[in-house]
Amino acid sequence: KLSVSITLNPPDKRVRDIDNSIKSLLDAMCQAGLFDDDSQVDKLLVERGVIVKGGLCKVNILIYE
């Protein structure tokens, strides 16, 4: 079981839907070998962070039972 916490820091003040980034991000992490399948994710927290020049995405993955 995995708990994934994601903070999305946008590069500017434009309006963005944070949910649009989640599926592709989880798929990319799976393809990179961080976990076998995104069906392993039982907890998911996504939040918008402060504006960061160039944008930034912070991900924490916690394995729990």
C-alpha atoms as a PDB file:
ATOM      1  CA  LYS A   1       0.000   0.000   0.000  1.00  0.00           C
ATOM      2  CA  LEU A   2       1.267   3.454  -0.901  1.00  0.00           C
ATOM      3  CA  SER A   3       0.497   6.938   0.290  1.00  0.00           C
ATOM      4  CA  VAL A   4       1.441   9.641  -2.208  1.00  0.00           C
ATOM      5  CA  SER A   5       1.641  13.332  -1.341  1.00  0.00           C
ATOM      6  CA  ILE A   6       2.107  15.813  -4.190  1.00  0.00           C
ATOM      7  CA  THR A   7       2.697  19.568  -4.086  1.00  0.00           C
ATOM      8  CA  LEU A   8       2.397  21.364  -7.415  1.00  0.00           C
ATOM      9  CA  ASN A   9       4.127  24.746  -7.525  1.00  0.00           C
ATOM     10  CA  PRO A  10       3.000  26.653 -10.614  1.00  0.00           C
ATOM     11  CA  PRO A  11       5.421  28.832 -12.591  1.00  0.00           C
ATOM     12  CA  ASP A  12       3.019  31.796 -12.749  1.00  0.00           C
ATOM     13  CA  LYS A  13      -0.420  33.094 -11.716  1.00  0.00           C
ATOM     14  CA  ARG A  14      -2.368  31.509 -14.590  1.00  0.00           C
ATOM     15  CA  VAL A  15      -5.390  29.448 -13.547  1.00  0.00           C
ATOM     16  CA  ARG A  16      -4.687  25.687 -13.577  1.00  0.00           C
ATOM     17  CA  ASP A  17      -6.705  22.627 -12.599  1.00  0.00           C
ATOM     18  CA  ILE A  18      -4.435  20.549 -10.361  1.00  0.00           C
ATOM     19  CA  ASP A  19      -6.346  17.345 -11.090  1.00  0.00           C
ATOM     20  CA  ASN A  20      -5.181  17.416 -14.731  1.00  0.00           C
ATOM     21  CA  SER A  21      -1.590  16.670 -13.695  1.00  0.00           C
ATOM     22  CA  ILE A  22      -2.207  13.685 -11.458  1.00  0.00           C
ATOM     23  CA  LYS A  23      -2.857  10.787 -13.868  1.00  0.00           C
ATOM     24  CA  SER A  24       0.142  11.516 -16.090  1.00  0.00           C
ATOM     25  CA  LEU A  25       2.378  12.070 -13.049  1.00  0.00           C
ATOM     26  CA  LEU A  26       1.392   8.732 -11.467  1.00  0.00           C
ATOM     27  CA  ASP A  27       1.833   6.961 -14.812  1.00  0.00           C
ATOM     28  CA  ALA A  28       5.299   8.509 -15.248  1.00  0.00           C
ATOM     29  CA  MET A  29       6.366   7.449 -11.741  1.00  0.00           C
ATOM     30  CA  CYS A  30       5.161   3.922 -12.460  1.00  0.00           C
ATOM     31  CA  GLN A  31       7.049   3.824 -15.757  1.00  0.00           C
ATOM     32  CA  ALA A  32      10.167   5.100 -13.958  1.00  0.00           C
ATOM     33  CA  GLY A  33       9.950   2.085 -11.658  1.00  0.00           C
ATOM     34  CA  LEU A  34       9.008   3.836  -8.417  1.00  0.00           C
ATOM     35  CA  PHE A  35       6.153   1.342  -7.981  1.00  0.00           C
ATOM     36  CA  ASP A  36       4.601  -1.475 -10.005  1.00  0.00           C
ATOM     37  CA  ASP A  37       1.183  -0.007 -10.681  1.00  0.00           C
ATOM     38  CA  ASP A  38      -0.739   3.101  -9.634  1.00  0.00           C
ATOM     39  CA  SER A  39      -3.467   0.824  -8.270  1.00  0.00           C
ATOM     40  CA  GLN A  40      -1.109   0.414  -5.283  1.00  0.00           C
ATOM     41  CA  VAL A  41      -1.870   4.015  -4.257  1.00  0.00           C
ATOM     42  CA  ASP A  42      -4.442   3.937  -1.443  1.00  0.00           C
ATOM     43  CA  LYS A  43      -3.948   7.492  -0.204  1.00  0.00           C
ATOM     44  CA  LEU A  44      -3.420  10.518  -2.419  1.00  0.00           C
ATOM     45  CA  LEU A  45      -2.986  14.123  -1.305  1.00  0.00           C
ATOM     46  CA  VAL A  46      -2.563  16.845  -3.912  1.00  0.00           C
ATOM     47  CA  GLU A  47      -2.092  20.502  -3.075  1.00  0.00           C
ATOM     48  CA  ARG A  48      -1.153  23.688  -4.869  1.00  0.00           C
ATOM     49  CA  GLY A  49       1.981  25.323  -3.549  1.00  0.00           C
ATOM     50  CA  VAL A  50       3.356  28.804  -3.958  1.00  0.00           C
ATOM     51  CA  ILE A  51       4.527  30.135  -7.312  1.00  0.00           C
ATOM     52  CA  VAL A  52       8.071  29.012  -8.149  1.00  0.00           C
ATOM     53  CA  LYS A  53       9.947  30.323 -11.173  1.00  0.00           C
ATOM     54  CA  GLY A  54       9.949  27.526 -13.759  1.00  0.00           C
ATOM     55  CA  GLY A  55       7.395  25.516 -11.743  1.00  0.00           C
ATOM     56  CA  LEU A  56       8.056  22.632  -9.389  1.00  0.00           C
ATOM     57  CA  CYS A  57       6.481  19.334  -8.399  1.00  0.00           C
ATOM     58  CA  LYS A  58       7.345  17.719  -5.046  1.00  0.00           C
ATOM     59  CA  VAL A  59       6.355  14.089  -4.464  1.00  0.00           C
ATOM     60  CA  ASN A  60       6.575  12.030  -1.276  1.00  0.00           C
ATOM     61  CA  ILE A  61       5.817   8.314  -1.393  1.00  0.00           C
ATOM     62  CA  LEU A  62       5.221   6.410   1.839  1.00  0.00           C
ATOM     63  CA  ILE A  63       4.915   2.628   2.017  1.00  0.00           C
ATOM     64  CA  TYR A  64       2.591   1.446   4.784  1.00  0.00           C
ATOM     65  CA  GLU A  65       0.622  -1.625   5.800  1.00  0.00           C
END
